[in-house]
Amino acid sequence: MQIDTAWRLLFGTMERDPQGLSARVRGIVAEAIETGLLAPDMRVPSSRSLAEALGISRNTVNAAYQTLIDDGLLVSRERSGCFVASLDDRPASGQASAEAAADKAGEWAARFAIRPSRLPQITKPRNWMDYPYPFLFGQFDPSLFPTNPWRESVKAASSVQEITRWARDMIDDDDPDLLDQLRHKVLPRRGIFAGPGEIIITIGSQHALSMLVQLLVGRDTPVGIENPGYPDVRHMVGMATTDLRPLTCDGFGVVPDAVFAGRRVAFVTVGHQCPTTAVMPVGRRRELLEAACRHDVVLVEDDYESDLSVEGDADLPCLKSLDRADRVIYTGSFSKILAPGLRIGYVVAPKPVIDELRVLRRLMLRHPPTNNQRSLATFIQLGHYRQHLRRTAAVLEERAGRIAELLPDCLPGFRFRRDFGAKSFWIEGPPGLDSRDLVRRARDQGVLIEAGDIFFLDPAEGRRYFRLGFTSIATHRIEPGLRRLGAVLRSGTA
């Protein structure tokens, strides 16, 4: 193993005291591990190569490594070498180390312009697939992913001719094939007919919403958000403006009242309101558009469940398809349709908006990976996309029906809502229910659900709500999972 530049720099200032070389080597490596410079499971140089690079005895390095192994900072793996120990395997830090880390954190805190880590976040176990009953929304279900069709599409996009088309720097352009497939095969399903220059590809809908907040929201811009609503949009907008107001909402979604009229930008989820699943009727959608025109409000339509249609909800026109005055900016994504890890979304908007977004995106990341764009374009072009939608929609409709059938028996006294086409249920518990406590106790029994308080401006308002998704749980696990959830509720006061 050769010593790279990073390791040479790490030891570049090492004092050459022959009496303490082993201690110096040990101290430098230990500090690099504790400060995170050397990541867990990273391989360290062999004693021979490090000794040669530093011009010291191999025995000196071996002694340092052995002490680090004894201290739990390094681990030796037979025939593989020495590696930085994982966090779980390291001993607890001493008081001095903890105080030093706190001081360093304080020094950095004074430099931060914003503190996003202090905002409440939607959290899900990283290893959620290890749980037997994951009632989570929007997560990847391996059994539904079209593995072979996707492999065929990736292979087709990996020919020499195709690679020469997508491998170059696109600067601020997108893959033309994907734009064509969106315009002609994807968006028309939502009633949207976009012209040239009216679509931009993003790294998922989160990226799309973030760029739109940067483009449209200044420090004093009046912005309206749904309450309850998507917390990440609330955080994005809250960090951008001092004039954030919750929009009035009823059982059908946003109400175009005086609060709405006083906003310059409004972020809405009319297809399936997040998190209640409410589908806004066509009449209300037209009223919202008329009010937006009358009061000069720009509507950002987050159609996060777009295209994966069940039970005929595709027949309901989205806001963008009804817009005749360029008041609506539409965002969509393939995350809920194929897999979150694909990270391909898009914005449909008037050309002047897209032109500005292209420059903004170039300043951030130039363009999303074009190999993924081309693979997705091929996937759609070959007809795999339509087949996947039909197959997945049928499975999800079966799961939804099974949950609706079981809920009254498994969760008596609870109210639940799922408007047609939604991929989750919004559950309201009886007075006194603490959904955070329920989430913890259910997780201990292998059942994953999502607490509802995160969706509210005032978390206390959402204390007795939780969300029950079904895109990530196999159909045959639904009944035992719900019955186990019911048993958790009966076992004590949640």
Protein backbone atom coordinates (compact mmCIF):
# COMPACT_ATOMS: atom_id res chain seq x y z
CA MET A 1 0.00 0.00 0.00
CA GLN A 2 1.50 3.32 -1.08
CA ILE A 3 1.35 6.41 1.16
CA ASP A 4 -0.80 9.05 -0.50
CA THR A 5 -0.48 12.83 -0.11
CA ALA A 6 -3.07 13.05 2.67
CA TRP A 7 -1.05 10.73 4.93
CA ARG A 8 2.18 12.58 4.18
CA LEU A 9 0.52 15.87 5.16
CA LEU A 10 -0.87 14.27 8.30
CA PHE A 11 2.64 13.43 9.54
CA GLY A 12 4.36 16.38 7.88
CA THR A 13 4.97 18.32 11.08
CA MET A 14 5.89 15.34 13.29
CA GLU A 15 8.73 16.08 15.64
CA ARG A 16 11.74 13.80 15.21
CA ASP A 17 12.46 13.01 18.85
CA PRO A 18 13.87 9.44 18.76
CA GLN A 19 12.73 8.83 22.32
CA GLY A 20 9.08 9.55 21.54
CA LEU A 21 8.50 8.61 17.89
CA SER A 22 6.06 5.84 18.69
CA ALA A 23 4.03 8.12 20.97
CA ARG A 24 4.01 10.85 18.30
CA VAL A 25 2.74 8.44 15.62
CA ARG A 26 0.11 7.15 18.04
CA GLY A 27 -0.98 10.67 19.01
CA ILE A 28 -1.31 11.92 15.42
CA VAL A 29 -3.39 8.91 14.33
CA ALA A 30 -5.56 9.05 17.48
CA GLU A 31 -6.31 12.76 17.01
CA ALA A 32 -7.15 12.22 13.33
CA ILE A 33 -9.59 9.47 14.31
CA GLU A 34 -11.26 11.42 17.12
CA THR A 35 -11.72 14.55 14.98
CA GLY A 36 -13.20 12.55 12.11
CA LEU A 37 -10.32 13.11 9.69
CA LEU A 38 -9.95 9.34 9.52
CA ALA A 39 -13.36 7.79 8.99
CA PRO A 40 -14.59 4.51 10.54
CA ASP A 41 -13.49 1.40 8.62
CA MET A 42 -10.83 3.35 6.70
CA ARG A 43 -7.71 1.28 6.08
CA VAL A 44 -4.49 2.73 7.49
CA PRO A 45 -1.11 2.26 5.79
CA SER A 46 0.82 -0.87 6.55
CA SER A 47 3.55 -0.51 9.16
CA ARG A 48 6.19 -1.13 6.48
CA SER A 49 4.93 1.56 4.06
CA LEU A 50 4.39 4.13 6.82
CA ALA A 51 7.81 3.47 8.30
CA GLU A 52 9.45 3.90 4.89
CA ALA A 53 7.53 7.12 4.21
CA LEU A 54 8.48 8.62 7.58
CA GLY A 55 12.01 7.28 7.58
CA ILE A 56 11.63 5.56 10.93
CA SER A 57 11.82 2.02 12.24
CA ARG A 58 9.02 -0.40 11.37
CA ASN A 59 9.07 -1.56 14.99
CA THR A 60 8.25 2.01 16.04
CA VAL A 61 5.15 2.02 13.84
CA ASN A 62 4.15 -1.48 14.96
CA ALA A 63 4.33 -0.38 18.60
CA ALA A 64 2.15 2.65 17.87
CA TYR A 65 -0.40 0.56 15.97
CA GLN A 66 -0.55 -2.06 18.71
CA THR A 67 -1.31 0.58 21.35
CA LEU A 68 -4.04 2.04 19.16
CA ILE A 69 -5.51 -1.45 18.77
CA ASP A 70 -5.37 -1.95 22.54
CA ASP A 71 -7.13 1.41 22.99
CA GLY A 72 -9.91 0.35 20.63
CA LEU A 73 -9.16 2.98 17.98
CA LEU A 74 -7.82 0.54 15.39
CA VAL A 75 -8.77 -3.04 14.59
CA SER A 76 -6.56 -5.65 12.96
CA ARG A 77 -8.16 -7.88 10.33
CA GLU A 78 -6.35 -11.04 9.34
CA ARG A 79 -4.73 -10.79 5.89
CA SER A 80 -6.33 -7.39 5.34
CA GLY A 81 -4.41 -4.97 7.54
CA CYS A 82 -5.35 -2.39 10.14
CA PHE A 83 -8.52 -0.30 9.95
CA VAL A 84 -10.09 2.54 11.90
CA ALA A 85 -12.54 1.02 14.39
CA SER A 86 -16.25 1.58 13.86
CA LEU A 87 -17.96 4.02 16.21
CA ASP A 88 -19.76 1.23 18.05
CA ASP A 89 -16.48 -0.51 18.83
CA ARG A 90 -14.67 2.53 20.24
CA PRO A 91 -14.38 3.22 23.95
CA ALA A 92 -16.24 6.19 25.40
CA SER A 93 -14.30 9.45 25.12
CA GLY A 94 -12.82 10.94 28.24
CA GLN A 95 -14.01 14.15 29.84
CA ALA A 96 -11.18 16.15 28.31
CA SER A 97 -12.02 14.95 24.80
CA ALA A 98 -15.71 15.74 25.32
CA GLU A 99 -14.90 19.25 26.51
CA ALA A 100 -12.57 19.82 23.56
CA ALA A 101 -15.27 18.68 21.14
CA ALA A 102 -17.80 20.98 22.79
CA ASP A 103 -15.41 23.92 22.52
CA LYS A 104 -14.81 23.20 18.84
CA ALA A 105 -18.57 22.93 18.19
CA GLY A 106 -19.09 26.25 19.91
CA GLU A 107 -16.42 27.89 17.77
CA TRP A 108 -18.12 26.71 14.60
CA ALA A 109 -21.61 27.63 15.84
CA ALA A 110 -20.61 31.28 15.97
CA ARG A 111 -19.81 31.15 12.26
CA PHE A 112 -23.03 29.54 11.01
CA ALA A 113 -25.46 31.85 9.21
CA ILE A 114 -28.27 29.34 9.70
CA ARG A 115 -28.73 26.31 11.98
CA PRO A 116 -30.78 23.74 10.01
CA SER A 117 -29.79 20.99 12.45
CA ARG A 118 -32.00 22.66 15.08
CA LEU A 119 -35.12 22.27 12.96
CA PRO A 120 -37.42 19.30 13.69
CA GLN A 121 -36.91 16.62 11.06
CA ILE A 122 -38.85 13.70 9.66
CA THR A 123 -36.85 10.74 10.94
CA LYS A 124 -37.03 7.10 9.92
CA PRO A 125 -34.68 4.28 10.91
CA ARG A 126 -31.91 3.95 8.34
CA ASN A 127 -32.31 0.19 8.62
CA TRP A 128 -36.09 0.29 8.23
CA MET A 129 -35.99 -2.68 5.85
CA ASP A 130 -34.87 -4.84 8.77
CA TYR A 131 -38.21 -4.27 10.53
CA PRO A 132 -40.98 -6.79 9.76
CA TYR A 133 -43.83 -4.23 9.61
CA PRO A 134 -42.68 -0.94 8.02
CA PHE A 135 -45.82 1.18 7.52
CA LEU A 136 -43.77 4.00 6.04
CA PHE A 137 -44.69 6.42 3.30
CA GLY A 138 -42.60 6.89 0.18
CA GLN A 139 -39.97 4.26 0.87
CA PHE A 140 -38.51 1.84 -1.64
CA ASP A 141 -40.16 -1.57 -1.97
CA PRO A 142 -37.70 -3.94 -3.69
CA SER A 143 -40.51 -6.30 -4.69
CA LEU A 144 -42.10 -3.57 -6.82
CA PHE A 145 -38.98 -2.25 -8.53
CA PRO A 146 -38.81 -3.28 -12.22
CA THR A 147 -35.31 -4.71 -11.97
CA ASN A 148 -34.98 -6.40 -15.35
CA PRO A 149 -36.58 -3.61 -17.41
CA TRP A 150 -34.36 -1.07 -15.61
CA ARG A 151 -31.26 -3.15 -16.33
CA GLU A 152 -32.25 -3.30 -19.99
CA SER A 153 -32.63 0.48 -20.06
CA VAL A 154 -29.29 1.09 -18.35
CA LYS A 155 -27.60 -1.32 -20.77
CA ALA A 156 -29.14 0.44 -23.76
CA ALA A 157 -27.94 3.79 -22.40
CA SER A 158 -24.43 2.39 -21.95
CA SER A 159 -23.50 1.72 -25.56
CA VAL A 160 -20.48 3.57 -26.91
CA GLN A 161 -22.69 5.79 -29.06
CA GLU A 162 -25.00 6.66 -26.16
CA ILE A 163 -22.12 7.34 -23.78
CA THR A 164 -20.62 9.86 -26.18
CA ARG A 165 -23.98 11.68 -26.15
CA TRP A 166 -24.49 11.93 -22.39
CA ALA A 167 -20.95 11.86 -20.97
CA ARG A 168 -20.03 15.38 -22.01
CA ASP A 169 -20.56 18.41 -19.78
CA MET A 170 -24.11 19.62 -20.45
CA ILE A 171 -23.39 22.89 -18.55
CA ASP A 172 -27.01 23.91 -17.81
CA ASP A 173 -28.83 21.68 -20.30
CA ASP A 174 -30.78 18.46 -19.70
CA ASP A 175 -30.93 15.21 -21.61
CA PRO A 176 -33.10 16.02 -24.65
CA ASP A 177 -34.53 12.49 -24.77
CA LEU A 178 -35.83 12.72 -21.21
CA LEU A 179 -37.37 16.13 -21.89
CA ASP A 180 -39.14 14.66 -24.92
CA GLN A 181 -40.43 11.68 -22.96
CA LEU A 182 -41.72 13.99 -20.22
CA ARG A 183 -43.46 16.25 -22.72
CA HIS A 184 -45.07 13.50 -24.77
CA LYS A 185 -45.61 10.49 -22.48
CA VAL A 186 -45.51 11.54 -18.82
CA LEU A 187 -46.96 15.03 -18.39
CA PRO A 188 -49.97 14.53 -20.70
CA ARG A 189 -51.24 11.94 -18.19
CA ARG A 190 -51.61 14.87 -15.79
CA GLY A 191 -53.19 17.08 -18.44
CA ILE A 192 -50.02 19.15 -18.87
CA PHE A 193 -48.75 20.06 -22.32
CA ALA A 194 -45.44 21.82 -21.89
CA GLY A 195 -43.70 23.67 -24.66
CA PRO A 196 -39.97 23.75 -25.46
CA GLY A 197 -38.00 25.43 -22.70
CA GLU A 198 -40.72 24.94 -20.06
CA ILE A 199 -39.18 21.96 -18.19
CA ILE A 200 -36.04 21.60 -16.12
CA ILE A 201 -34.73 18.38 -14.55
CA THR A 202 -33.85 18.40 -10.85
CA ILE A 203 -32.31 16.04 -8.33
CA GLY A 204 -35.71 15.04 -6.97
CA SER A 205 -38.62 17.25 -5.96
CA GLN A 206 -36.74 18.43 -2.84
CA HIS A 207 -34.16 20.09 -5.06
CA ALA A 208 -36.93 21.58 -7.19
CA LEU A 209 -38.68 23.11 -4.17
CA SER A 210 -35.40 24.41 -2.76
CA MET A 211 -34.54 26.21 -6.01
CA LEU A 212 -38.01 27.71 -6.25
CA VAL A 213 -37.75 29.05 -2.70
CA GLN A 214 -34.41 30.66 -3.58
CA LEU A 215 -35.83 32.14 -6.78
CA LEU A 216 -39.19 33.40 -5.51
CA VAL A 217 -38.79 34.11 -1.80
CA GLY A 218 -36.92 37.14 -0.47
CA ARG A 219 -36.44 38.25 3.11
CA ASP A 220 -39.81 40.05 3.22
CA THR A 221 -41.81 38.02 0.68
CA PRO A 222 -45.29 37.08 2.01
CA VAL A 223 -45.51 33.28 1.67
CA GLY A 224 -48.30 30.87 2.56
CA ILE A 225 -47.90 27.20 3.48
CA GLU A 226 -50.34 24.46 4.43
CA ASN A 227 -50.81 23.55 8.09
CA PRO A 228 -50.49 20.66 8.58
CA GLY A 229 -48.10 20.42 5.67
CA TYR A 230 -44.76 19.18 4.42
CA PRO A 231 -42.23 20.18 7.10
CA ASP A 232 -39.26 20.53 4.75
CA VAL A 233 -41.06 23.19 2.71
CA ARG A 234 -41.96 24.96 5.95
CA HIS A 235 -38.29 24.96 6.96
CA MET A 236 -37.04 26.10 3.54
CA VAL A 237 -39.48 29.00 3.45
CA GLY A 238 -38.95 29.85 7.12
CA MET A 239 -35.21 30.27 6.54
CA ALA A 240 -35.85 32.52 3.53
CA THR A 241 -38.55 34.96 4.72
CA THR A 242 -39.78 36.63 7.87
CA ASP A 243 -43.34 36.76 6.51
CA LEU A 244 -44.56 33.16 6.66
CA ARG A 245 -48.24 32.46 7.34
CA PRO A 246 -50.24 29.22 7.54
CA LEU A 247 -52.98 29.07 4.91
CA THR A 248 -56.52 28.34 6.01
CA CYS A 249 -57.31 24.68 5.32
CA ASP A 250 -60.48 22.62 5.62
CA GLY A 251 -61.40 19.06 4.69
CA PHE A 252 -60.78 19.84 1.00
CA GLY A 253 -57.42 21.59 1.36
CA VAL A 254 -56.46 25.26 1.03
CA VAL A 255 -59.25 27.83 1.28
CA PRO A 256 -58.85 30.86 -1.03
CA ASP A 257 -59.73 33.41 1.65
CA ALA A 258 -58.25 36.72 2.86
CA VAL A 259 -55.15 34.99 4.26
CA PHE A 260 -54.45 33.45 0.85
CA ALA A 261 -55.10 36.79 -0.88
CA GLY A 262 -52.39 38.45 1.20
CA ARG A 263 -49.65 36.06 0.07
CA ARG A 264 -47.31 36.54 -2.88
CA VAL A 265 -46.37 32.85 -3.12
CA ALA A 266 -48.30 29.80 -1.87
CA PHE A 267 -47.02 26.22 -1.70
CA VAL A 268 -49.86 23.71 -2.09
CA THR A 269 -50.45 19.95 -2.42
CA VAL A 270 -53.88 19.75 -4.02
CA GLY A 271 -53.50 16.24 -5.49
CA HIS A 272 -53.12 14.61 -2.09
CA GLN A 273 -52.72 17.12 0.68
CA CYS A 274 -49.68 16.33 2.80
CA PRO A 275 -50.26 14.60 5.19
CA THR A 276 -54.07 14.35 5.36
CA THR A 277 -54.38 12.86 1.81
CA ALA A 278 -57.28 15.26 1.05
CA VAL A 279 -58.02 15.52 -2.68
CA MET A 280 -59.13 19.03 -3.59
CA PRO A 281 -62.31 18.99 -5.75
CA VAL A 282 -62.17 20.54 -9.21
CA GLY A 283 -64.47 23.37 -8.14
CA ARG A 284 -62.14 24.39 -5.31
CA ARG A 285 -59.15 24.15 -7.65
CA ARG A 286 -60.79 26.60 -10.04
CA GLU A 287 -61.60 28.93 -7.14
CA LEU A 288 -57.98 28.79 -6.01
CA LEU A 289 -56.74 29.68 -9.50
CA GLU A 290 -59.22 32.53 -9.83
CA ALA A 291 -58.15 33.93 -6.46
CA ALA A 292 -54.49 33.59 -7.43
CA CYS A 293 -55.10 35.61 -10.59
CA ARG A 294 -57.18 38.21 -8.77
CA HIS A 295 -54.66 38.76 -5.98
CA ASP A 296 -51.42 38.12 -7.90
CA VAL A 297 -50.41 34.96 -6.05
CA VAL A 298 -47.96 32.46 -7.56
CA LEU A 299 -48.93 28.86 -6.80
CA VAL A 300 -46.23 26.20 -6.43
CA GLU A 301 -48.01 22.88 -6.95
CA ASP A 302 -46.11 20.02 -5.34
CA ASP A 303 -47.63 16.97 -7.05
CA TYR A 304 -45.47 14.58 -5.07
CA GLU A 305 -47.60 11.51 -5.84
CA SER A 306 -48.03 12.37 -9.51
CA ASP A 307 -48.58 9.67 -12.11
CA LEU A 308 -48.79 6.65 -9.81
CA SER A 309 -52.55 6.60 -10.18
CA VAL A 310 -54.97 4.20 -8.62
CA GLU A 311 -58.76 4.22 -8.48
CA GLY A 312 -59.15 6.69 -11.32
CA ASP A 313 -57.55 9.73 -9.67
CA ALA A 314 -55.69 10.47 -12.92
CA ASP A 315 -59.00 11.76 -14.26
CA LEU A 316 -58.83 14.71 -11.84
CA PRO A 317 -56.92 17.58 -13.48
CA CYS A 318 -53.95 19.03 -11.63
CA LEU A 319 -53.79 22.78 -11.03
CA LYS A 320 -51.23 23.27 -13.77
CA SER A 321 -53.52 21.70 -16.36
CA LEU A 322 -56.27 24.21 -15.46
CA ASP A 323 -53.95 27.22 -15.45
CA ARG A 324 -54.47 29.67 -18.32
CA ALA A 325 -52.69 32.64 -16.78
CA ASP A 326 -49.24 31.21 -15.91
CA ARG A 327 -49.93 31.35 -12.17
CA VAL A 328 -48.84 27.75 -11.44
CA ILE A 329 -45.35 26.29 -11.17
CA TYR A 330 -45.53 22.50 -11.12
CA THR A 331 -43.07 20.11 -9.47
CA GLY A 332 -43.01 16.34 -9.89
CA SER A 333 -40.68 13.44 -9.17
CA PHE A 334 -40.01 9.81 -10.02
CA SER A 335 -39.03 9.03 -6.41
CA LYS A 336 -42.45 7.78 -5.35
CA ILE A 337 -42.92 5.96 -8.65
CA LEU A 338 -39.65 4.08 -9.06
CA ALA A 339 -37.22 4.55 -6.17
CA PRO A 340 -36.12 7.47 -3.95
CA GLY A 341 -32.48 6.77 -4.77
CA LEU A 342 -33.02 7.61 -8.44
CA ARG A 343 -33.21 11.33 -7.50
CA ILE A 344 -34.84 12.63 -10.67
CA GLY A 345 -37.53 15.27 -10.46
CA TYR A 346 -38.63 18.17 -12.62
CA VAL A 347 -40.22 21.60 -12.71
CA VAL A 348 -42.75 22.73 -15.30
CA ALA A 349 -43.12 26.51 -15.50
CA PRO A 350 -43.24 29.44 -17.94
CA LYS A 351 -40.02 29.79 -19.90
CA PRO A 352 -38.77 32.91 -18.05
CA VAL A 353 -38.92 30.93 -14.79
CA ILE A 354 -37.10 27.94 -16.29
CA ASP A 355 -34.43 30.22 -17.76
CA GLU A 356 -33.64 31.60 -14.31
CA LEU A 357 -33.74 28.16 -12.72
CA ARG A 358 -31.21 26.88 -15.25
CA VAL A 359 -28.69 29.54 -14.26
CA LEU A 360 -29.42 28.99 -10.56
CA ARG A 361 -28.98 25.24 -10.94
CA ARG A 362 -25.71 25.70 -12.84
CA LEU A 363 -24.36 27.76 -9.95
CA MET A 364 -25.32 24.97 -7.56
CA LEU A 365 -24.40 21.75 -9.40
CA ARG A 366 -24.43 22.42 -13.17
CA HIS A 367 -26.88 19.61 -14.03
CA PRO A 368 -28.13 16.28 -12.66
CA PRO A 369 -26.23 13.17 -13.82
CA THR A 370 -27.08 12.68 -17.48
CA ASN A 371 -26.47 8.92 -17.45
CA ASN A 372 -29.43 8.53 -15.08
CA GLN A 373 -31.48 10.89 -17.22
CA ARG A 374 -30.76 8.88 -20.35
CA SER A 375 -31.51 5.56 -18.63
CA LEU A 376 -34.86 6.89 -17.43
CA ALA A 377 -35.66 8.27 -20.87
CA THR A 378 -34.96 4.84 -22.38
CA PHE A 379 -37.04 3.16 -19.68
CA ILE A 380 -40.03 5.34 -20.61
CA GLN A 381 -39.45 5.05 -24.35
CA LEU A 382 -39.38 1.23 -24.27
CA GLY A 383 -42.81 1.13 -22.61
CA HIS A 384 -41.51 -0.11 -19.26
CA TYR A 385 -42.77 2.96 -17.44
CA ARG A 386 -46.42 2.37 -18.37
CA GLN A 387 -46.18 -1.32 -17.49
CA HIS A 388 -44.63 -0.48 -14.13
CA LEU A 389 -47.40 2.01 -13.35
CA ARG A 390 -50.13 -0.53 -14.09
CA ARG A 391 -48.51 -3.28 -12.05
CA THR A 392 -47.63 -1.09 -9.07
CA ALA A 393 -51.00 0.65 -8.99
CA ALA A 394 -52.78 -2.70 -8.76
CA VAL A 395 -50.60 -3.83 -5.86
CA LEU A 396 -51.05 -0.56 -3.96
CA GLU A 397 -54.81 -0.60 -4.47
CA GLU A 398 -54.92 -4.09 -2.96
CA ARG A 399 -52.86 -2.97 0.03
CA ALA A 400 -55.03 0.12 0.59
CA GLY A 401 -58.19 -1.96 0.53
CA ARG A 402 -56.75 -4.44 3.01
CA ILE A 403 -55.76 -1.70 5.47
CA ALA A 404 -59.15 0.03 5.20
CA GLU A 405 -60.84 -3.29 5.93
CA LEU A 406 -58.69 -4.02 9.01
CA LEU A 407 -58.38 -0.62 10.66
CA PRO A 408 -61.82 -0.51 12.38
CA ASP A 409 -61.10 -3.83 14.05
CA CYS A 410 -57.42 -3.28 14.85
CA LEU A 411 -57.69 0.36 15.95
CA PRO A 412 -61.21 0.78 17.37
CA GLY A 413 -62.06 4.33 18.36
CA PHE A 414 -59.58 5.82 15.88
CA ARG A 415 -60.59 7.94 12.89
CA PHE A 416 -58.76 7.47 9.64
CA ARG A 417 -58.72 9.17 6.26
CA ARG A 418 -57.41 8.19 2.88
CA ASP A 419 -58.77 9.97 -0.17
CA PHE A 420 -58.78 8.02 -3.42
CA GLY A 421 -55.36 7.37 -4.90
CA ALA A 422 -53.35 8.23 -1.79
CA LYS A 423 -50.48 5.98 -0.67
CA SER A 424 -51.00 6.49 3.06
CA PHE A 425 -53.66 6.77 5.76
CA TRP A 426 -53.93 9.75 8.11
CA ILE A 427 -54.92 8.45 11.53
CA GLU A 428 -56.47 10.47 14.37
CA GLY A 429 -56.36 8.86 17.79
CA PRO A 430 -58.58 9.53 20.78
CA PRO A 431 -57.91 12.49 23.12
CA GLY A 432 -54.81 11.87 25.20
CA LEU A 433 -52.98 9.77 22.62
CA ASP A 434 -49.28 10.61 22.43
CA SER A 435 -48.25 9.44 18.96
CA ARG A 436 -44.55 9.95 19.72
CA ASP A 437 -44.79 7.45 22.54
CA LEU A 438 -46.81 5.12 20.34
CA VAL A 439 -44.15 5.32 17.62
CA ARG A 440 -41.45 4.33 20.11
CA ARG A 441 -43.37 1.45 21.63
CA ALA A 442 -44.51 0.15 18.24
CA ARG A 443 -40.95 0.27 16.95
CA ASP A 444 -39.85 -1.95 19.83
CA GLN A 445 -42.36 -4.50 18.51
CA GLY A 446 -41.13 -4.29 14.91
CA VAL A 447 -43.88 -1.91 13.68
CA LEU A 448 -42.86 1.40 12.08
CA ILE A 449 -45.34 4.29 11.84
CA GLU A 450 -44.81 8.07 11.53
CA ALA A 451 -45.78 10.56 14.23
CA GLY A 452 -48.04 13.36 13.02
CA ASP A 453 -46.81 16.29 15.12
CA ILE A 454 -43.92 17.02 12.72
CA PHE A 455 -46.42 18.22 10.09
CA PHE A 456 -47.89 20.99 12.28
CA LEU A 457 -46.57 24.48 12.98
CA ASP A 458 -47.56 23.83 16.59
CA PRO A 459 -46.56 20.21 17.33
CA ALA A 460 -49.10 20.05 20.17
CA GLU A 461 -51.89 20.20 17.57
CA GLY A 462 -50.66 16.99 15.98
CA ARG A 463 -49.94 15.01 19.12
CA ARG A 464 -52.68 12.44 18.58
CA TYR A 465 -52.15 11.98 14.81
CA PHE A 466 -49.91 9.59 12.91
CA ARG A 467 -49.38 8.51 9.30
CA LEU A 468 -49.63 4.93 8.10
CA GLY A 469 -47.97 4.34 4.74
CA PHE A 470 -48.16 1.17 2.68
CA THR A 471 -45.72 1.59 -0.21
CA SER A 472 -42.98 -0.18 1.74
CA ILE A 473 -44.77 -3.11 3.40
CA ALA A 474 -45.59 -6.39 1.66
CA THR A 475 -49.30 -7.16 1.39
CA HIS A 476 -49.09 -10.36 3.42
CA ARG A 477 -47.53 -8.47 6.34
CA ILE A 478 -50.28 -5.87 6.64
CA GLU A 479 -52.69 -7.83 8.85
CA PRO A 480 -50.13 -9.15 11.37
CA GLY A 481 -48.54 -5.69 11.48
CA LEU A 482 -51.82 -3.91 12.21
CA ARG A 483 -52.82 -6.47 14.81
CA ARG A 484 -49.47 -6.04 16.53
CA LEU A 485 -49.98 -2.25 16.48
CA GLY A 486 -53.38 -2.76 18.07
CA ALA A 487 -51.79 -4.94 20.75
CA VAL A 488 -49.25 -2.18 21.49
CA LEU A 489 -52.11 0.27 22.01
CA ARG A 490 -53.97 -2.12 24.31
CA SER A 491 -50.85 -2.85 26.35
CA GLY A 492 -50.85 0.58 27.95
CA THR A 493 -51.70 4.24 27.61
CA ALA A 494 -49.90 5.68 24.64
